[in-house]
Amino acid sequence: MKVNDVKKTKEEEIKEVEQVDSEEIAMQKVIDKFKKQYKKVYETNIAGERIIWRPIKRSEYKEIMAYEDDKLSDREIVYVREEMMARKVILYPKTDDIIEEFAGVAEVIADECMYYSGFMPNGIKPTKQL
């Protein structure tokens, strides 16, 4: 290996670190914007994906719980309600992308959202509030 090759490698490493730092700074700005708008914002990691979400409002909760469909079983209605809740509260990344990409995202986010929004007093392990 030549000396120039080592120097290039070090420069590339520095650029990678700078890029990661820049991405983290940009993400923090997005989180700060969400915090101003919603006051409480949470982060949940699912399959290595960082999901930022907010608590659900009582009116939104009532709307979701009112959902009924005679063609669906009780369990299917629960799935639909979980997905509706996740779509309402997930702020980052785009909801359709994350819900479709990873199985169980809607269920996990809905459970945590119910707990941290005050609709489920005894529940799951606390997540990271931002």
N, C-alpha and C. Protein backbone atom coordinates (compact mmCIF):
# COMPACT_ATOMS: atom_id res chain seq x y z
N MET A 1 0.85 -1.18 0.00
CA MET A 1 0.00 0.00 0.00
C MET A 1 0.89 1.23 0.00
N LYS A 2 0.57 2.16 -0.83
CA LYS A 2 1.34 3.38 -0.94
C LYS A 2 0.89 4.38 0.12
N VAL A 3 1.75 5.34 0.42
CA VAL A 3 1.45 6.39 1.39
C VAL A 3 0.22 7.19 0.93
N ASN A 4 0.12 7.48 -0.35
CA ASN A 4 -1.02 8.24 -0.88
C ASN A 4 -2.34 7.49 -0.66
N ASP A 5 -2.29 6.15 -0.79
CA ASP A 5 -3.49 5.34 -0.56
C ASP A 5 -3.95 5.46 0.89
N VAL A 6 -3.02 5.44 1.83
CA VAL A 6 -3.36 5.58 3.24
C VAL A 6 -3.97 6.96 3.48
N LYS A 7 -3.38 8.00 2.87
CA LYS A 7 -3.88 9.36 3.04
C LYS A 7 -5.31 9.48 2.50
N LYS A 8 -5.57 8.87 1.34
CA LYS A 8 -6.90 8.89 0.78
C LYS A 8 -7.89 8.22 1.72
N THR A 9 -7.48 7.12 2.28
CA THR A 9 -8.35 6.38 3.18
C THR A 9 -8.70 7.24 4.39
N LYS A 10 -7.72 7.93 4.95
CA LYS A 10 -7.96 8.81 6.11
C LYS A 10 -8.90 9.95 5.71
N GLU A 11 -8.69 10.54 4.54
CA GLU A 11 -9.55 11.63 4.07
C GLU A 11 -10.98 11.13 3.86
N GLU A 12 -11.11 9.93 3.31
CA GLU A 12 -12.43 9.35 3.11
C GLU A 12 -13.13 9.10 4.44
N GLU A 13 -12.37 8.63 5.42
CA GLU A 13 -12.94 8.40 6.76
C GLU A 13 -13.43 9.71 7.36
N ILE A 14 -12.67 10.77 7.21
CA ILE A 14 -13.05 12.09 7.74
C ILE A 14 -14.33 12.56 7.05
N LYS A 15 -14.42 12.39 5.74
CA LYS A 15 -15.63 12.79 5.00
C LYS A 15 -16.85 12.01 5.48
N GLU A 16 -16.67 10.70 5.74
CA GLU A 16 -17.77 9.88 6.22
C GLU A 16 -18.25 10.36 7.58
N VAL A 17 -17.32 10.66 8.48
CA VAL A 17 -17.67 11.16 9.81
C VAL A 17 -18.39 12.50 9.70
N GLU A 18 -17.88 13.38 8.84
CA GLU A 18 -18.52 14.68 8.64
C GLU A 18 -19.93 14.51 8.09
N GLN A 19 -20.12 13.55 7.18
CA GLN A 19 -21.44 13.32 6.60
C GLN A 19 -22.40 12.82 7.68
N VAL A 20 -21.96 11.89 8.52
CA VAL A 20 -22.80 11.37 9.60
C VAL A 20 -23.16 12.51 10.56
N ASP A 21 -22.18 13.34 10.92
CA ASP A 21 -22.44 14.47 11.80
C ASP A 21 -23.46 15.42 11.16
N SER A 22 -23.31 15.69 9.89
CA SER A 22 -24.24 16.58 9.18
C SER A 22 -25.65 16.00 9.17
N GLU A 23 -25.76 14.69 8.95
CA GLU A 23 -27.07 14.04 8.96
C GLU A 23 -27.70 14.11 10.34
N GLU A 24 -26.90 13.92 11.37
CA GLU A 24 -27.41 13.97 12.75
C GLU A 24 -27.87 15.39 13.09
N ILE A 25 -27.12 16.38 12.68
CA ILE A 25 -27.50 17.78 12.92
C ILE A 25 -28.81 18.10 12.19
N ALA A 26 -28.93 17.65 10.95
CA ALA A 26 -30.16 17.87 10.18
C ALA A 26 -31.34 17.17 10.85
N MET A 27 -31.12 15.96 11.33
CA MET A 27 -32.19 15.22 12.01
C MET A 27 -32.60 15.93 13.30
N GLN A 28 -31.64 16.45 14.02
CA GLN A 28 -31.95 17.17 15.26
C GLN A 28 -32.80 18.41 14.98
N LYS A 29 -32.54 19.07 13.88
CA LYS A 29 -33.34 20.24 13.49
C LYS A 29 -34.78 19.82 13.21
N VAL A 30 -34.95 18.69 12.54
CA VAL A 30 -36.29 18.17 12.26
C VAL A 30 -37.00 17.83 13.57
N ILE A 31 -36.29 17.19 14.49
CA ILE A 31 -36.87 16.83 15.79
C ILE A 31 -37.26 18.08 16.56
N ASP A 32 -36.40 19.09 16.56
CA ASP A 32 -36.70 20.34 17.25
C ASP A 32 -37.97 20.99 16.69
N LYS A 33 -38.13 20.93 15.39
CA LYS A 33 -39.33 21.48 14.74
C LYS A 33 -40.57 20.72 15.22
N PHE A 34 -40.48 19.40 15.26
CA PHE A 34 -41.59 18.58 15.74
C PHE A 34 -41.91 18.88 17.21
N LYS A 35 -40.87 19.07 18.02
CA LYS A 35 -41.07 19.36 19.44
C LYS A 35 -41.78 20.69 19.64
N LYS A 36 -41.46 21.67 18.83
CA LYS A 36 -42.15 22.97 18.91
C LYS A 36 -43.62 22.81 18.57
N GLN A 37 -43.90 21.99 17.58
CA GLN A 37 -45.27 21.83 17.10
C GLN A 37 -46.10 20.93 18.03
N TYR A 38 -45.53 19.83 18.52
CA TYR A 38 -46.30 18.84 19.27
C TYR A 38 -45.95 18.75 20.76
N LYS A 39 -44.96 19.44 21.22
CA LYS A 39 -44.48 19.44 22.62
C LYS A 39 -43.75 18.14 22.98
N LYS A 40 -44.45 17.01 22.95
CA LYS A 40 -43.82 15.73 23.27
C LYS A 40 -43.62 14.94 21.98
N VAL A 41 -42.41 14.44 21.81
CA VAL A 41 -42.05 13.66 20.64
C VAL A 41 -41.24 12.46 21.14
N TYR A 42 -41.50 11.30 20.59
CA TYR A 42 -40.82 10.08 21.02
C TYR A 42 -40.08 9.43 19.86
N GLU A 43 -39.11 8.61 20.22
CA GLU A 43 -38.33 7.87 19.23
C GLU A 43 -38.40 6.39 19.58
N THR A 44 -38.70 5.58 18.59
CA THR A 44 -38.71 4.14 18.75
C THR A 44 -37.88 3.56 17.61
N ASN A 45 -37.02 2.62 17.93
CA ASN A 45 -36.21 1.95 16.90
C ASN A 45 -36.80 0.57 16.63
N ILE A 46 -37.12 0.33 15.37
CA ILE A 46 -37.66 -0.97 14.95
C ILE A 46 -36.83 -1.45 13.79
N ALA A 47 -36.22 -2.61 13.96
CA ALA A 47 -35.39 -3.21 12.91
C ALA A 47 -34.32 -2.23 12.43
N GLY A 48 -33.75 -1.48 13.36
CA GLY A 48 -32.69 -0.53 13.02
C GLY A 48 -33.19 0.75 12.39
N GLU A 49 -34.49 0.90 12.27
CA GLU A 49 -35.08 2.11 11.68
C GLU A 49 -35.52 3.06 12.79
N ARG A 50 -35.14 4.29 12.67
CA ARG A 50 -35.48 5.32 13.65
C ARG A 50 -36.85 5.91 13.30
N ILE A 51 -37.80 5.75 14.22
CA ILE A 51 -39.16 6.24 13.99
C ILE A 51 -39.47 7.31 15.02
N ILE A 52 -39.85 8.49 14.55
CA ILE A 52 -40.20 9.61 15.40
C ILE A 52 -41.73 9.75 15.35
N TRP A 53 -42.34 9.83 16.52
CA TRP A 53 -43.80 9.91 16.58
C TRP A 53 -44.25 10.80 17.73
N ARG A 54 -45.53 11.15 17.72
CA ARG A 54 -46.11 12.01 18.74
C ARG A 54 -47.27 11.29 19.43
N PRO A 55 -47.67 11.75 20.61
CA PRO A 55 -48.86 11.17 21.26
C PRO A 55 -50.11 11.47 20.45
N ILE A 56 -51.11 10.64 20.62
CA ILE A 56 -52.37 10.85 19.91
C ILE A 56 -53.30 11.72 20.75
N LYS A 57 -54.10 12.52 20.07
CA LYS A 57 -55.06 13.38 20.76
C LYS A 57 -56.32 12.57 21.06
N ARG A 58 -57.05 13.00 22.08
CA ARG A 58 -58.27 12.29 22.46
C ARG A 58 -59.27 12.21 21.30
N SER A 59 -59.44 13.29 20.57
CA SER A 59 -60.38 13.30 19.45
C SER A 59 -59.96 12.29 18.37
N GLU A 60 -58.66 12.18 18.12
CA GLU A 60 -58.15 11.21 17.15
C GLU A 60 -58.39 9.79 17.65
N TYR A 61 -58.16 9.58 18.93
CA TYR A 61 -58.37 8.27 19.56
C TYR A 61 -59.83 7.85 19.40
N LYS A 62 -60.75 8.75 19.71
CA LYS A 62 -62.17 8.45 19.61
C LYS A 62 -62.57 8.12 18.17
N GLU A 63 -62.03 8.86 17.24
CA GLU A 63 -62.30 8.62 15.82
C GLU A 63 -61.84 7.22 15.41
N ILE A 64 -60.65 6.85 15.83
CA ILE A 64 -60.09 5.54 15.48
C ILE A 64 -60.89 4.41 16.14
N MET A 65 -61.24 4.56 17.41
CA MET A 65 -61.97 3.52 18.12
C MET A 65 -63.40 3.37 17.61
N ALA A 66 -63.93 4.38 16.95
CA ALA A 66 -65.28 4.32 16.39
C ALA A 66 -65.32 3.52 15.08
N TYR A 67 -64.15 3.22 14.52
CA TYR A 67 -64.10 2.49 13.25
C TYR A 67 -64.71 1.09 13.41
N GLU A 68 -65.62 0.76 12.53
CA GLU A 68 -66.24 -0.57 12.49
C GLU A 68 -66.36 -1.00 11.04
N ASP A 69 -66.38 -2.32 10.84
CA ASP A 69 -66.58 -2.87 9.51
C ASP A 69 -67.15 -4.27 9.70
N ASP A 70 -68.40 -4.48 9.28
CA ASP A 70 -69.08 -5.77 9.46
C ASP A 70 -68.41 -6.90 8.68
N LYS A 71 -67.63 -6.57 7.67
CA LYS A 71 -66.98 -7.59 6.84
C LYS A 71 -65.70 -8.13 7.47
N LEU A 72 -65.20 -7.43 8.51
CA LEU A 72 -63.93 -7.82 9.14
C LEU A 72 -64.17 -8.49 10.49
N SER A 73 -63.24 -9.39 10.83
CA SER A 73 -63.30 -10.01 12.16
C SER A 73 -62.82 -8.99 13.20
N ASP A 74 -63.05 -9.30 14.46
CA ASP A 74 -62.60 -8.40 15.53
C ASP A 74 -61.09 -8.18 15.46
N ARG A 75 -60.33 -9.23 15.20
CA ARG A 75 -58.87 -9.10 15.12
C ARG A 75 -58.46 -8.23 13.95
N GLU A 76 -59.13 -8.38 12.81
CA GLU A 76 -58.82 -7.55 11.65
C GLU A 76 -59.12 -6.07 11.92
N ILE A 77 -60.18 -5.82 12.66
CA ILE A 77 -60.51 -4.43 13.02
C ILE A 77 -59.41 -3.86 13.90
N VAL A 78 -58.88 -4.66 14.81
CA VAL A 78 -57.77 -4.20 15.66
C VAL A 78 -56.57 -3.83 14.79
N TYR A 79 -56.25 -4.66 13.80
CA TYR A 79 -55.14 -4.36 12.89
C TYR A 79 -55.36 -3.04 12.16
N VAL A 80 -56.58 -2.85 11.66
CA VAL A 80 -56.90 -1.62 10.92
C VAL A 80 -56.76 -0.41 11.84
N ARG A 81 -57.25 -0.54 13.07
CA ARG A 81 -57.16 0.57 14.03
C ARG A 81 -55.70 0.89 14.37
N GLU A 82 -54.89 -0.15 14.55
CA GLU A 82 -53.46 0.08 14.83
C GLU A 82 -52.80 0.82 13.69
N GLU A 83 -53.11 0.41 12.47
CA GLU A 83 -52.51 1.08 11.31
C GLU A 83 -53.00 2.52 11.20
N MET A 84 -54.28 2.76 11.47
CA MET A 84 -54.81 4.12 11.44
C MET A 84 -54.08 5.00 12.45
N MET A 85 -53.86 4.45 13.65
CA MET A 85 -53.18 5.22 14.69
C MET A 85 -51.74 5.51 14.29
N ALA A 86 -51.04 4.51 13.81
CA ALA A 86 -49.65 4.70 13.40
C ALA A 86 -49.55 5.76 12.30
N ARG A 87 -50.45 5.72 11.36
CA ARG A 87 -50.43 6.70 10.26
C ARG A 87 -50.66 8.12 10.78
N LYS A 88 -51.46 8.27 11.82
CA LYS A 88 -51.72 9.60 12.39
C LYS A 88 -50.53 10.15 13.17
N VAL A 89 -49.81 9.28 13.89
CA VAL A 89 -48.81 9.79 14.84
C VAL A 89 -47.37 9.75 14.35
N ILE A 90 -47.05 8.90 13.39
CA ILE A 90 -45.66 8.82 12.92
C ILE A 90 -45.32 10.09 12.15
N LEU A 91 -44.27 10.75 12.60
CA LEU A 91 -43.82 11.99 11.98
C LEU A 91 -42.67 11.75 11.00
N TYR A 92 -41.82 10.78 11.32
CA TYR A 92 -40.65 10.49 10.49
C TYR A 92 -40.30 9.02 10.64
N PRO A 93 -39.99 8.31 9.59
CA PRO A 93 -40.02 8.67 8.18
C PRO A 93 -41.46 8.66 7.66
N LYS A 94 -41.59 8.83 6.34
CA LYS A 94 -42.93 8.83 5.76
C LYS A 94 -43.67 7.58 6.21
N THR A 95 -44.88 7.75 6.68
CA THR A 95 -45.63 6.64 7.27
C THR A 95 -45.87 5.48 6.32
N ASP A 96 -46.29 5.76 5.12
CA ASP A 96 -46.59 4.67 4.20
C ASP A 96 -45.36 3.80 3.97
N ASP A 97 -44.22 4.42 3.82
CA ASP A 97 -42.99 3.68 3.57
C ASP A 97 -42.66 2.75 4.74
N ILE A 98 -42.67 3.28 5.94
CA ILE A 98 -42.23 2.51 7.11
C ILE A 98 -43.24 1.43 7.47
N ILE A 99 -44.52 1.73 7.37
CA ILE A 99 -45.55 0.74 7.73
C ILE A 99 -45.54 -0.42 6.74
N GLU A 100 -45.34 -0.13 5.48
CA GLU A 100 -45.32 -1.17 4.46
C GLU A 100 -44.02 -1.98 4.49
N GLU A 101 -42.92 -1.34 4.85
CA GLU A 101 -41.61 -1.99 4.78
C GLU A 101 -41.37 -3.00 5.90
N PHE A 102 -41.80 -2.68 7.12
CA PHE A 102 -41.51 -3.53 8.27
C PHE A 102 -42.79 -4.04 8.91
N ALA A 103 -42.89 -5.35 9.08
CA ALA A 103 -44.05 -5.94 9.76
C ALA A 103 -44.02 -5.54 11.23
N GLY A 104 -45.17 -5.27 11.77
CA GLY A 104 -45.28 -4.98 13.19
C GLY A 104 -45.07 -3.54 13.60
N VAL A 105 -44.71 -2.67 12.68
CA VAL A 105 -44.47 -1.27 13.02
C VAL A 105 -45.74 -0.63 13.57
N ALA A 106 -46.86 -0.84 12.88
CA ALA A 106 -48.11 -0.23 13.32
C ALA A 106 -48.48 -0.71 14.72
N GLU A 107 -48.31 -2.00 14.99
CA GLU A 107 -48.65 -2.55 16.30
C GLU A 107 -47.78 -1.97 17.41
N VAL A 108 -46.48 -1.91 17.18
CA VAL A 108 -45.56 -1.39 18.20
C VAL A 108 -45.83 0.09 18.46
N ILE A 109 -45.94 0.87 17.40
CA ILE A 109 -46.18 2.31 17.56
C ILE A 109 -47.54 2.56 18.21
N ALA A 110 -48.57 1.82 17.81
CA ALA A 110 -49.90 1.99 18.40
C ALA A 110 -49.86 1.67 19.90
N ASP A 111 -49.18 0.58 20.28
CA ASP A 111 -49.08 0.22 21.70
C ASP A 111 -48.37 1.30 22.50
N GLU A 112 -47.23 1.76 22.00
CA GLU A 112 -46.48 2.80 22.70
C GLU A 112 -47.26 4.11 22.74
N CYS A 113 -47.91 4.42 21.65
CA CYS A 113 -48.70 5.65 21.57
C CYS A 113 -49.84 5.61 22.58
N MET A 114 -50.53 4.49 22.68
CA MET A 114 -51.62 4.36 23.65
C MET A 114 -51.10 4.57 25.07
N TYR A 115 -49.95 3.99 25.36
CA TYR A 115 -49.37 4.10 26.70
C TYR A 115 -48.99 5.55 27.01
N TYR A 116 -48.23 6.16 26.13
CA TYR A 116 -47.71 7.51 26.39
C TYR A 116 -48.74 8.61 26.18
N SER A 117 -49.86 8.27 25.56
CA SER A 117 -50.94 9.24 25.41
C SER A 117 -51.93 9.15 26.58
N GLY A 118 -51.73 8.16 27.45
CA GLY A 118 -52.56 8.03 28.64
C GLY A 118 -53.78 7.15 28.48
N PHE A 119 -53.84 6.35 27.43
CA PHE A 119 -54.99 5.48 27.21
C PHE A 119 -54.75 4.05 27.67
N MET A 120 -53.57 3.74 28.19
CA MET A 120 -53.23 2.39 28.62
C MET A 120 -52.35 2.51 29.86
N PRO A 121 -52.94 2.55 31.06
CA PRO A 121 -52.16 2.82 32.28
C PRO A 121 -51.07 1.81 32.60
N ASN A 122 -51.33 0.54 32.45
CA ASN A 122 -50.30 -0.47 32.72
C ASN A 122 -49.86 -1.04 31.39
N GLY A 123 -48.65 -0.75 31.03
CA GLY A 123 -48.29 -1.16 29.68
C GLY A 123 -46.86 -1.53 29.48
N ILE A 124 -46.41 -1.10 28.38
CA ILE A 124 -45.13 -1.50 27.85
C ILE A 124 -43.97 -0.72 28.46
N LYS A 125 -42.82 -1.18 28.22
CA LYS A 125 -41.60 -0.55 28.69
C LYS A 125 -41.44 0.83 28.06
N PRO A 126 -41.02 1.80 28.84
CA PRO A 126 -40.85 3.17 28.30
C PRO A 126 -39.90 3.23 27.12
N THR A 127 -40.23 4.09 26.20
CA THR A 127 -39.38 4.37 25.05
C THR A 127 -38.61 5.65 25.32
N LYS A 128 -37.85 6.10 24.39
CA LYS A 128 -37.02 7.28 24.58
C LYS A 128 -37.78 8.54 24.17
N GLN A 129 -38.05 9.41 25.15
CA GLN A 129 -38.66 10.71 24.81
C GLN A 129 -37.56 11.64 24.35
N LEU A 130 -37.82 12.37 23.30
CA LEU A 130 -36.82 13.28 22.75
C LEU A 130 -36.98 14.66 23.30
